[in-house]
Amino acid sequence: MALTLQQIIDEADLLVPNAYQAADKIPWLNKVNQEFFEIVKIPQSSVFTTVASQASYVLPDDVRDNSIDKARVGLINYLSLNYEDVKPAQNYFTFNESDHNITFTPAPYASGLRAIVRYYRIATSTYVSSILTANPDAPAEYHWIYVLGLCEKIANANNDTGKSNNYGNEYRAALTAAAQNYSKLGD
Protein backbone atom coordinates (compact mmCIF):
# COMPACT_ATOMS: atom_id res chain seq x y z
CA MET A 1 0.00 0.00 0.00
CA ALA A 2 1.34 3.41 -0.96
CA LEU A 3 1.97 5.75 1.94
CA THR A 4 2.03 9.52 1.85
CA LEU A 5 4.70 11.52 3.64
CA GLN A 6 2.05 12.53 6.20
CA GLN A 7 1.19 8.89 6.88
CA ILE A 8 4.87 8.05 7.32
CA ILE A 9 5.30 10.97 9.73
CA ASP A 10 2.16 10.01 11.67
CA GLU A 11 3.32 6.41 12.06
CA ALA A 12 6.82 7.47 13.14
CA ASP A 13 5.30 9.89 15.68
CA LEU A 14 3.33 7.01 17.22
CA LEU A 15 6.44 4.86 17.50
CA VAL A 16 8.78 7.61 18.70
CA PRO A 17 6.85 10.38 20.47
CA ASN A 18 8.47 13.76 19.81
CA ALA A 19 7.89 17.51 19.59
CA TYR A 20 9.36 17.99 16.11
CA GLN A 21 7.22 19.56 13.40
CA ALA A 22 6.71 18.08 9.94
CA ALA A 23 9.05 20.73 8.54
CA ASP A 24 11.80 19.31 10.79
CA LYS A 25 11.16 15.77 9.55
CA ILE A 26 11.13 16.47 5.82
CA PRO A 27 14.95 16.81 5.54
CA TRP A 28 15.22 13.45 7.32
CA LEU A 29 12.76 11.89 4.86
CA ASN A 30 14.80 13.33 1.98
CA LYS A 31 17.86 11.63 3.47
CA VAL A 32 15.96 8.32 3.84
CA ASN A 33 14.85 8.62 0.20
CA GLN A 34 18.47 9.09 -0.94
CA GLU A 35 19.70 6.22 1.25
CA PHE A 36 17.04 3.89 -0.14
CA PHE A 37 18.29 4.25 -3.71
CA GLU A 38 21.96 4.18 -2.71
CA ILE A 39 21.40 0.69 -1.28
CA VAL A 40 18.45 -0.72 -3.24
CA LYS A 41 19.45 -0.98 -6.90
CA ILE A 42 16.22 -1.09 -8.94
CA PRO A 43 17.04 -1.78 -12.58
CA GLN A 44 15.52 0.17 -15.44
CA SER A 45 16.45 0.31 -19.08
CA SER A 46 16.46 2.63 -22.03
CA VAL A 47 16.06 0.99 -25.43
CA PHE A 48 16.60 2.77 -28.72
CA THR A 49 17.62 2.14 -32.32
CA THR A 50 20.99 3.25 -33.64
CA VAL A 51 21.95 5.25 -36.68
CA ALA A 52 25.11 4.20 -38.55
CA SER A 53 28.17 6.20 -37.42
CA GLN A 54 26.15 8.23 -34.89
CA ALA A 55 27.98 7.90 -31.58
CA SER A 56 25.78 9.95 -29.19
CA TYR A 57 22.22 9.31 -28.00
CA VAL A 58 20.08 11.04 -25.37
CA LEU A 59 19.04 9.03 -22.30
CA PRO A 60 16.24 9.85 -19.81
CA ASP A 61 16.78 12.63 -17.27
CA ASP A 62 16.89 10.22 -14.32
CA VAL A 63 20.07 8.48 -15.53
CA ARG A 64 23.34 9.26 -13.74
CA ASP A 65 26.80 8.23 -14.89
CA ASN A 66 27.40 6.03 -11.87
CA SER A 67 23.96 4.40 -12.18
CA ILE A 68 24.60 2.88 -15.62
CA ASP A 69 25.16 -0.84 -15.20
CA LYS A 70 25.35 -2.15 -18.78
CA ALA A 71 25.35 -0.80 -22.30
CA ARG A 72 24.93 -2.94 -25.40
CA VAL A 73 24.49 -2.14 -29.07
CA GLY A 74 23.37 -5.13 -31.10
CA LEU A 75 25.51 -8.00 -29.79
CA ILE A 76 28.36 -5.75 -28.66
CA ASN A 77 28.84 -4.79 -25.02
CA TYR A 78 30.35 -1.42 -24.18
CA LEU A 79 32.32 -0.79 -20.97
CA SER A 80 32.16 2.41 -18.93
CA LEU A 81 35.31 4.44 -19.50
CA ASN A 82 34.83 6.06 -16.08
CA TYR A 83 34.14 2.95 -13.99
CA GLU A 84 35.66 -0.06 -15.73
CA ASP A 85 39.13 -1.10 -16.84
CA VAL A 86 38.97 -0.45 -20.58
CA LYS A 87 41.82 -1.96 -22.56
CA PRO A 88 42.97 -0.70 -25.96
CA ALA A 89 40.64 -1.81 -28.77
CA GLN A 90 37.73 -2.47 -26.38
CA ASN A 91 34.39 -0.78 -26.93
CA TYR A 92 33.50 1.82 -24.32
CA PHE A 93 30.96 4.51 -23.54
CA THR A 94 30.98 7.84 -21.76
CA PHE A 95 27.99 9.64 -20.31
CA ASN A 96 27.52 13.38 -19.90
CA GLU A 97 25.11 14.15 -17.06
CA SER A 98 24.58 17.76 -18.14
CA ASP A 99 22.98 16.88 -21.49
CA HIS A 100 22.21 13.17 -20.77
CA ASN A 101 24.17 12.01 -23.82
CA ILE A 102 25.73 8.58 -23.91
CA THR A 103 28.55 8.32 -26.45
CA PHE A 104 29.67 4.97 -27.83
CA THR A 105 33.23 4.44 -29.02
CA PRO A 106 33.39 3.18 -31.66
CA ALA A 107 30.10 4.49 -33.00
CA PRO A 108 27.55 1.84 -34.04
CA TYR A 109 28.47 0.42 -37.43
CA ALA A 110 24.91 0.11 -38.77
CA SER A 111 21.50 1.71 -38.58
CA GLY A 112 18.67 -0.18 -36.96
CA LEU A 113 20.68 -1.94 -34.27
CA ARG A 114 18.91 -2.30 -30.94
CA ALA A 115 20.74 -0.49 -28.14
CA ILE A 116 19.99 -1.22 -24.50
CA VAL A 117 21.29 0.77 -21.56
CA ARG A 118 20.50 -0.69 -18.14
CA TYR A 119 20.72 1.68 -15.21
CA TYR A 120 19.53 1.89 -11.63
CA ARG A 121 16.77 4.16 -10.40
CA ILE A 122 17.76 7.17 -8.36
CA ALA A 123 15.84 9.32 -5.92
CA THR A 124 14.32 12.08 -8.02
CA SER A 125 12.17 13.91 -5.47
CA THR A 126 13.06 16.56 -2.95
CA TYR A 127 10.21 16.66 -0.48
CA VAL A 128 8.85 19.89 1.00
CA SER A 129 6.70 20.33 4.07
CA SER A 130 3.97 22.07 2.08
CA ILE A 131 3.20 18.87 0.10
CA LEU A 132 2.79 16.05 2.60
CA THR A 133 0.44 14.16 0.25
CA ALA A 134 3.44 13.12 -1.89
CA ASN A 135 4.54 9.50 -1.97
CA PRO A 136 8.15 8.33 -1.62
CA ASP A 137 10.07 7.54 -4.81
CA ALA A 138 10.46 3.90 -3.76
CA PRO A 139 7.98 1.27 -4.92
CA ALA A 140 4.87 1.23 -2.68
CA GLU A 141 5.72 -2.12 -1.11
CA TYR A 142 8.80 -0.50 0.48
CA HIS A 143 7.24 2.70 1.85
CA TRP A 144 7.15 1.20 5.35
CA ILE A 145 10.98 1.28 5.33
CA TYR A 146 10.74 5.08 5.38
CA VAL A 147 8.90 4.83 8.72
CA LEU A 148 11.83 2.90 10.21
CA GLY A 149 14.36 5.37 8.80
CA LEU A 150 12.43 8.33 10.14
CA CYS A 151 12.05 6.65 13.55
CA GLU A 152 15.81 6.21 13.73
CA LYS A 153 16.42 9.87 12.89
CA ILE A 154 13.80 11.15 15.36
CA ALA A 155 15.14 8.93 18.16
CA ASN A 156 18.67 10.08 17.39
CA ALA A 157 17.55 13.74 17.55
CA ASN A 158 15.86 12.94 20.88
CA ASN A 159 19.18 11.49 22.13
CA ASP A 160 17.44 8.16 22.70
CA THR A 161 20.34 5.90 21.78
CA GLY A 162 18.47 2.67 22.48
CA LYS A 163 15.55 3.44 20.18
CA SER A 164 17.86 4.97 17.60
CA ASN A 165 19.97 1.80 17.50
CA ASN A 166 16.93 -0.50 17.41
CA TYR A 167 15.18 1.36 14.60
CA GLY A 168 18.49 1.86 12.81
CA ASN A 169 19.15 -1.87 12.84
CA GLU A 170 15.63 -2.64 11.59
CA TYR A 171 15.97 0.05 8.92
CA ARG A 172 19.30 -1.26 7.59
CA ALA A 173 18.06 -4.86 7.67
CA ALA A 174 14.96 -3.85 5.68
CA LEU A 175 17.12 -1.98 3.13
CA THR A 176 19.38 -5.00 2.81
CA ALA A 177 16.40 -7.30 2.29
CA ALA A 178 14.97 -4.97 -0.36
CA ALA A 179 18.36 -4.82 -2.10
CA GLN A 180 18.53 -8.62 -2.09
CA ASN A 181 15.08 -8.82 -3.67
CA TYR A 182 16.35 -6.83 -6.65
CA SER A 183 19.74 -8.55 -6.81
CA LYS A 184 17.91 -11.84 -7.46
CA LEU A 185 16.92 -10.48 -10.85
CA GLY A 186 20.41 -11.42 -12.09
CA ASP A 187 22.23 -10.37 -15.22
C-alpha atoms as a PDB file:
ATOM      1  CA  MET A   1       0.000   0.000   0.000  1.00  0.00           C
ATOM      2  CA  ALA A   2       1.341   3.410  -0.964  1.00  0.00           C
ATOM      3  CA  LEU A   3       1.966   5.749   1.939  1.00  0.00           C
ATOM      4  CA  THR A   4       2.031   9.521   1.853  1.00  0.00           C
ATOM      5  CA  LEU A   5       4.702  11.516   3.639  1.00  0.00           C
ATOM      6  CA  GLN A   6       2.052  12.534   6.195  1.00  0.00           C
ATOM      7  CA  GLN A   7       1.186   8.887   6.882  1.00  0.00           C
ATOM      8  CA  ILE A   8       4.873   8.052   7.322  1.00  0.00           C
ATOM      9  CA  ILE A   9       5.305  10.968   9.730  1.00  0.00           C
ATOM     10  CA  ASP A  10       2.156  10.014  11.674  1.00  0.00           C
ATOM     11  CA  GLU A  11       3.322   6.408  12.060  1.00  0.00           C
ATOM     12  CA  ALA A  12       6.824   7.473  13.144  1.00  0.00           C
ATOM     13  CA  ASP A  13       5.303   9.889  15.680  1.00  0.00           C
ATOM     14  CA  LEU A  14       3.326   7.010  17.220  1.00  0.00           C
ATOM     15  CA  LEU A  15       6.438   4.855  17.496  1.00  0.00           C
ATOM     16  CA  VAL A  16       8.783   7.610  18.699  1.00  0.00           C
ATOM     17  CA  PRO A  17       6.849  10.385  20.474  1.00  0.00           C
ATOM     18  CA  ASN A  18       8.472  13.760  19.806  1.00  0.00           C
ATOM     19  CA  ALA A  19       7.893  17.506  19.588  1.00  0.00           C
ATOM     20  CA  TYR A  20       9.358  17.995  16.113  1.00  0.00           C
ATOM     21  CA  GLN A  21       7.218  19.560  13.405  1.00  0.00           C
ATOM     22  CA  ALA A  22       6.706  18.076   9.943  1.00  0.00           C
ATOM     23  CA  ALA A  23       9.053  20.729   8.545  1.00  0.00           C
ATOM     24  CA  ASP A  24      11.800  19.309  10.791  1.00  0.00           C
ATOM     25  CA  LYS A  25      11.165  15.770   9.549  1.00  0.00           C
ATOM     26  CA  ILE A  26      11.134  16.475   5.815  1.00  0.00           C
ATOM     27  CA  PRO A  27      14.946  16.807   5.538  1.00  0.00           C
ATOM     28  CA  TRP A  28      15.216  13.448   7.324  1.00  0.00           C
ATOM     29  CA  LEU A  29      12.765  11.889   4.861  1.00  0.00           C
ATOM     30  CA  ASN A  30      14.795  13.326   1.980  1.00  0.00           C
ATOM     31  CA  LYS A  31      17.864  11.628   3.467  1.00  0.00           C
ATOM     32  CA  VAL A  32      15.962   8.320   3.837  1.00  0.00           C
ATOM     33  CA  ASN A  33      14.847   8.619   0.204  1.00  0.00           C
ATOM     34  CA  GLN A  34      18.469   9.089  -0.935  1.00  0.00           C
ATOM     35  CA  GLU A  35      19.696   6.217   1.252  1.00  0.00           C
ATOM     36  CA  PHE A  36      17.039   3.895  -0.137  1.00  0.00           C
ATOM     37  CA  PHE A  37      18.292   4.253  -3.710  1.00  0.00           C
ATOM     38  CA  GLU A  38      21.961   4.175  -2.708  1.00  0.00           C
ATOM     39  CA  ILE A  39      21.396   0.691  -1.275  1.00  0.00           C
ATOM     40  CA  VAL A  40      18.453  -0.715  -3.244  1.00  0.00           C
ATOM     41  CA  LYS A  41      19.445  -0.985  -6.897  1.00  0.00           C
ATOM     42  CA  ILE A  42      16.219  -1.090  -8.936  1.00  0.00           C
ATOM     43  CA  PRO A  43      17.045  -1.780 -12.579  1.00  0.00           C
ATOM     44  CA  GLN A  44      15.518   0.168 -15.437  1.00  0.00           C
ATOM     45  CA  SER A  45      16.446   0.306 -19.081  1.00  0.00           C
ATOM     46  CA  SER A  46      16.461   2.627 -22.032  1.00  0.00           C
ATOM     47  CA  VAL A  47      16.062   0.987 -25.428  1.00  0.00           C
ATOM     48  CA  PHE A  48      16.597   2.766 -28.719  1.00  0.00           C
ATOM     49  CA  THR A  49      17.616   2.141 -32.321  1.00  0.00           C
ATOM     50  CA  THR A  50      20.994   3.247 -33.639  1.00  0.00           C
ATOM     51  CA  VAL A  51      21.953   5.252 -36.679  1.00  0.00           C
ATOM     52  CA  ALA A  52      25.112   4.203 -38.550  1.00  0.00           C
ATOM     53  CA  SER A  53      28.167   6.205 -37.422  1.00  0.00           C
ATOM     54  CA  GLN A  54      26.146   8.235 -34.889  1.00  0.00           C
ATOM     55  CA  ALA A  55      27.985   7.905 -31.577  1.00  0.00           C
ATOM     56  CA  SER A  56      25.779   9.950 -29.189  1.00  0.00           C
ATOM     57  CA  TYR A  57      22.224   9.314 -27.997  1.00  0.00           C
ATOM     58  CA  VAL A  58      20.084  11.039 -25.366  1.00  0.00           C
ATOM     59  CA  LEU A  59      19.043   9.026 -22.300  1.00  0.00           C
ATOM     60  CA  PRO A  60      16.241   9.855 -19.812  1.00  0.00           C
ATOM     61  CA  ASP A  61      16.778  12.635 -17.269  1.00  0.00           C
ATOM     62  CA  ASP A  62      16.892  10.217 -14.321  1.00  0.00           C
ATOM     63  CA  VAL A  63      20.068   8.478 -15.533  1.00  0.00           C
ATOM     64  CA  ARG A  64      23.343   9.255 -13.736  1.00  0.00           C
ATOM     65  CA  ASP A  65      26.801   8.235 -14.890  1.00  0.00           C
ATOM     66  CA  ASN A  66      27.399   6.026 -11.868  1.00  0.00           C
ATOM     67  CA  SER A  67      23.962   4.400 -12.177  1.00  0.00           C
ATOM     68  CA  ILE A  68      24.596   2.883 -15.623  1.00  0.00           C
ATOM     69  CA  ASP A  69      25.164  -0.835 -15.203  1.00  0.00           C
ATOM     70  CA  LYS A  70      25.347  -2.152 -18.776  1.00  0.00           C
ATOM     71  CA  ALA A  71      25.353  -0.798 -22.297  1.00  0.00           C
ATOM     72  CA  ARG A  72      24.929  -2.935 -25.396  1.00  0.00           C
ATOM     73  CA  VAL A  73      24.493  -2.144 -29.072  1.00  0.00           C
ATOM     74  CA  GLY A  74      23.373  -5.133 -31.095  1.00  0.00           C
ATOM     75  CA  LEU A  75      25.514  -7.999 -29.791  1.00  0.00           C
ATOM     76  CA  ILE A  76      28.357  -5.750 -28.662  1.00  0.00           C
ATOM     77  CA  ASN A  77      28.841  -4.788 -25.020  1.00  0.00           C
ATOM     78  CA  TYR A  78      30.353  -1.421 -24.183  1.00  0.00           C
ATOM     79  CA  LEU A  79      32.315  -0.785 -20.968  1.00  0.00           C
ATOM     80  CA  SER A  80      32.160   2.406 -18.927  1.00  0.00           C
ATOM     81  CA  LEU A  81      35.307   4.442 -19.505  1.00  0.00           C
ATOM     82  CA  ASN A  82      34.829   6.058 -16.083  1.00  0.00           C
ATOM     83  CA  TYR A  83      34.137   2.952 -13.989  1.00  0.00           C
ATOM     84  CA  GLU A  84      35.658  -0.062 -15.726  1.00  0.00           C
ATOM     85  CA  ASP A  85      39.125  -1.099 -16.839  1.00  0.00           C
ATOM     86  CA  VAL A  86      38.967  -0.446 -20.577  1.00  0.00           C
ATOM     87  CA  LYS A  87      41.821  -1.960 -22.555  1.00  0.00           C
ATOM     88  CA  PRO A  88      42.970  -0.700 -25.965  1.00  0.00           C
ATOM     89  CA  ALA A  89      40.644  -1.808 -28.773  1.00  0.00           C
ATOM     90  CA  GLN A  90      37.727  -2.471 -26.380  1.00  0.00           C
ATOM     91  CA  ASN A  91      34.385  -0.776 -26.929  1.00  0.00           C
ATOM     92  CA  TYR A  92      33.497   1.822 -24.322  1.00  0.00           C
ATOM     93  CA  PHE A  93      30.958   4.508 -23.542  1.00  0.00           C
ATOM     94  CA  THR A  94      30.982   7.845 -21.764  1.00  0.00           C
ATOM     95  CA  PHE A  95      27.992   9.640 -20.306  1.00  0.00           C
ATOM     96  CA  ASN A  96      27.523  13.381 -19.903  1.00  0.00           C
ATOM     97  CA  GLU A  97      25.110  14.152 -17.063  1.00  0.00           C
ATOM     98  CA  SER A  98      24.585  17.759 -18.141  1.00  0.00           C
ATOM     99  CA  ASP A  99      22.981  16.875 -21.488  1.00  0.00           C
ATOM    100  CA  HIS A 100      22.211  13.170 -20.774  1.00  0.00           C
ATOM    101  CA  ASN A 101      24.166  12.013 -23.817  1.00  0.00           C
ATOM    102  CA  ILE A 102      25.733   8.576 -23.913  1.00  0.00           C
ATOM    103  CA  THR A 103      28.548   8.316 -26.447  1.00  0.00           C
ATOM    104  CA  PHE A 104      29.667   4.967 -27.831  1.00  0.00           C
ATOM    105  CA  THR A 105      33.227   4.438 -29.024  1.00  0.00           C
ATOM    106  CA  PRO A 106      33.392   3.179 -31.663  1.00  0.00           C
ATOM    107  CA  ALA A 107      30.096   4.491 -32.996  1.00  0.00           C
ATOM    108  CA  PRO A 108      27.547   1.843 -34.039  1.00  0.00           C
ATOM    109  CA  TYR A 109      28.474   0.425 -37.434  1.00  0.00           C
ATOM    110  CA  ALA A 110      24.905   0.112 -38.769  1.00  0.00           C
ATOM    111  CA  SER A 111      21.505   1.708 -38.580  1.00  0.00           C
ATOM    112  CA  GLY A 112      18.670  -0.183 -36.963  1.00  0.00           C
ATOM    113  CA  LEU A 113      20.681  -1.936 -34.267  1.00  0.00           C
ATOM    114  CA  ARG A 114      18.907  -2.296 -30.937  1.00  0.00           C
ATOM    115  CA  ALA A 115      20.738  -0.490 -28.141  1.00  0.00           C
ATOM    116  CA  ILE A 116      19.989  -1.215 -24.499  1.00  0.00           C
ATOM    117  CA  VAL A 117      21.289   0.774 -21.560  1.00  0.00           C
ATOM    118  CA  ARG A 118      20.504  -0.686 -18.135  1.00  0.00           C
ATOM    119  CA  TYR A 119      20.717   1.683 -15.205  1.00  0.00           C
ATOM    120  CA  TYR A 120      19.529   1.885 -11.627  1.00  0.00           C
ATOM    121  CA  ARG A 121      16.768   4.164 -10.400  1.00  0.00           C
ATOM    122  CA  ILE A 122      17.756   7.166  -8.358  1.00  0.00           C
ATOM    123  CA  ALA A 123      15.844   9.324  -5.916  1.00  0.00           C
ATOM    124  CA  THR A 124      14.320  12.078  -8.020  1.00  0.00           C
ATOM    125  CA  SER A 125      12.175  13.912  -5.466  1.00  0.00           C
ATOM    126  CA  THR A 126      13.055  16.561  -2.954  1.00  0.00           C
ATOM    127  CA  TYR A 127      10.209  16.661  -0.480  1.00  0.00           C
ATOM    128  CA  VAL A 128       8.855  19.888   0.996  1.00  0.00           C
ATOM    129  CA  SER A 129       6.703  20.332   4.072  1.00  0.00           C
ATOM    130  CA  SER A 130       3.966  22.068   2.080  1.00  0.00           C
ATOM    131  CA  ILE A 131       3.203  18.870   0.101  1.00  0.00           C
ATOM    132  CA  LEU A 132       2.786  16.049   2.604  1.00  0.00           C
ATOM    133  CA  THR A 133       0.443  14.163   0.254  1.00  0.00           C
ATOM    134  CA  ALA A 134       3.442  13.122  -1.889  1.00  0.00           C
ATOM    135  CA  ASN A 135       4.543   9.497  -1.972  1.00  0.00           C
ATOM    136  CA  PRO A 136       8.149   8.326  -1.621  1.00  0.00           C
ATOM    137  CA  ASP A 137      10.068   7.542  -4.809  1.00  0.00           C
ATOM    138  CA  ALA A 138      10.463   3.898  -3.758  1.00  0.00           C
ATOM    139  CA  PRO A 139       7.975   1.270  -4.917  1.00  0.00           C
ATOM    140  CA  ALA A 140       4.872   1.230  -2.683  1.00  0.00           C
ATOM    141  CA  GLU A 141       5.724  -2.122  -1.108  1.00  0.00           C
ATOM    142  CA  TYR A 142       8.797  -0.500   0.475  1.00  0.00           C
ATOM    143  CA  HIS A 143       7.242   2.696   1.848  1.00  0.00           C
ATOM    144  CA  TRP A 144       7.152   1.202   5.353  1.00  0.00           C
ATOM    145  CA  ILE A 145      10.976   1.281   5.326  1.00  0.00           C
ATOM    146  CA  TYR A 146      10.736   5.081   5.376  1.00  0.00           C
ATOM    147  CA  VAL A 147       8.904   4.833   8.721  1.00  0.00           C
ATOM    148  CA  LEU A 148      11.832   2.903  10.205  1.00  0.00           C
ATOM    149  CA  GLY A 149      14.364   5.366   8.797  1.00  0.00           C
ATOM    150  CA  LEU A 150      12.428   8.330  10.135  1.00  0.00           C
ATOM    151  CA  CYS A 151      12.049   6.646  13.548  1.00  0.00           C
ATOM    152  CA  GLU A 152      15.813   6.214  13.728  1.00  0.00           C
ATOM    153  CA  LYS A 153      16.423   9.870  12.890  1.00  0.00           C
ATOM    154  CA  ILE A 154      13.797  11.150  15.364  1.00  0.00           C
ATOM    155  CA  ALA A 155      15.140   8.928  18.156  1.00  0.00           C
ATOM    156  CA  ASN A 156      18.665  10.084  17.386  1.00  0.00           C
ATOM    157  CA  ALA A 157      17.554  13.743  17.550  1.00  0.00           C
ATOM    158  CA  ASN A 158      15.864  12.945  20.885  1.00  0.00           C
ATOM    159  CA  ASN A 159      19.177  11.494  22.129  1.00  0.00           C
ATOM    160  CA  ASP A 160      17.440   8.161  22.697  1.00  0.00           C
ATOM    161  CA  THR A 161      20.336   5.897  21.775  1.00  0.00           C
ATOM    162  CA  GLY A 162      18.467   2.668  22.484  1.00  0.00           C
ATOM    163  CA  LYS A 163      15.547   3.440  20.184  1.00  0.00           C
ATOM    164  CA  SER A 164      17.862   4.972  17.600  1.00  0.00           C
ATOM    165  CA  ASN A 165      19.974   1.800  17.503  1.00  0.00           C
ATOM    166  CA  ASN A 166      16.933  -0.500  17.410  1.00  0.00           C
ATOM    167  CA  TYR A 167      15.181   1.365  14.604  1.00  0.00           C
ATOM    168  CA  GLY A 168      18.491   1.860  12.810  1.00  0.00           C
ATOM    169  CA  ASN A 169      19.152  -1.872  12.839  1.00  0.00           C
ATOM    170  CA  GLU A 170      15.628  -2.639  11.590  1.00  0.00           C
ATOM    171  CA  TYR A 171      15.967   0.055   8.917  1.00  0.00           C
ATOM    172  CA  ARG A 172      19.300  -1.256   7.586  1.00  0.00           C
ATOM    173  CA  ALA A 173      18.056  -4.857   7.671  1.00  0.00           C
ATOM    174  CA  ALA A 174      14.963  -3.847   5.679  1.00  0.00           C
ATOM    175  CA  LEU A 175      17.117  -1.976   3.134  1.00  0.00           C
ATOM    176  CA  THR A 176      19.383  -5.004   2.812  1.00  0.00           C
ATOM    177  CA  ALA A 177      16.400  -7.304   2.286  1.00  0.00           C
ATOM    178  CA  ALA A 178      14.965  -4.968  -0.364  1.00  0.00           C
ATOM    179  CA  ALA A 179      18.356  -4.822  -2.095  1.00  0.00           C
ATOM    180  CA  GLN A 180      18.532  -8.624  -2.088  1.00  0.00           C
ATOM    181  CA  ASN A 181      15.083  -8.816  -3.674  1.00  0.00           C
ATOM    182  CA  TYR A 182      16.351  -6.828  -6.650  1.00  0.00           C
ATOM    183  CA  SER A 183      19.736  -8.553  -6.812  1.00  0.00           C
ATOM    184  CA  LYS A 184      17.911 -11.843  -7.465  1.00  0.00           C
ATOM    185  CA  LEU A 185      16.922 -10.478 -10.853  1.00  0.00           C
ATOM    186  CA  GLY A 186      20.408 -11.420 -12.091  1.00  0.00           C
ATOM    187  CA  ASP A 187      22.226 -10.369 -15.219  1.00  0.00           C
END
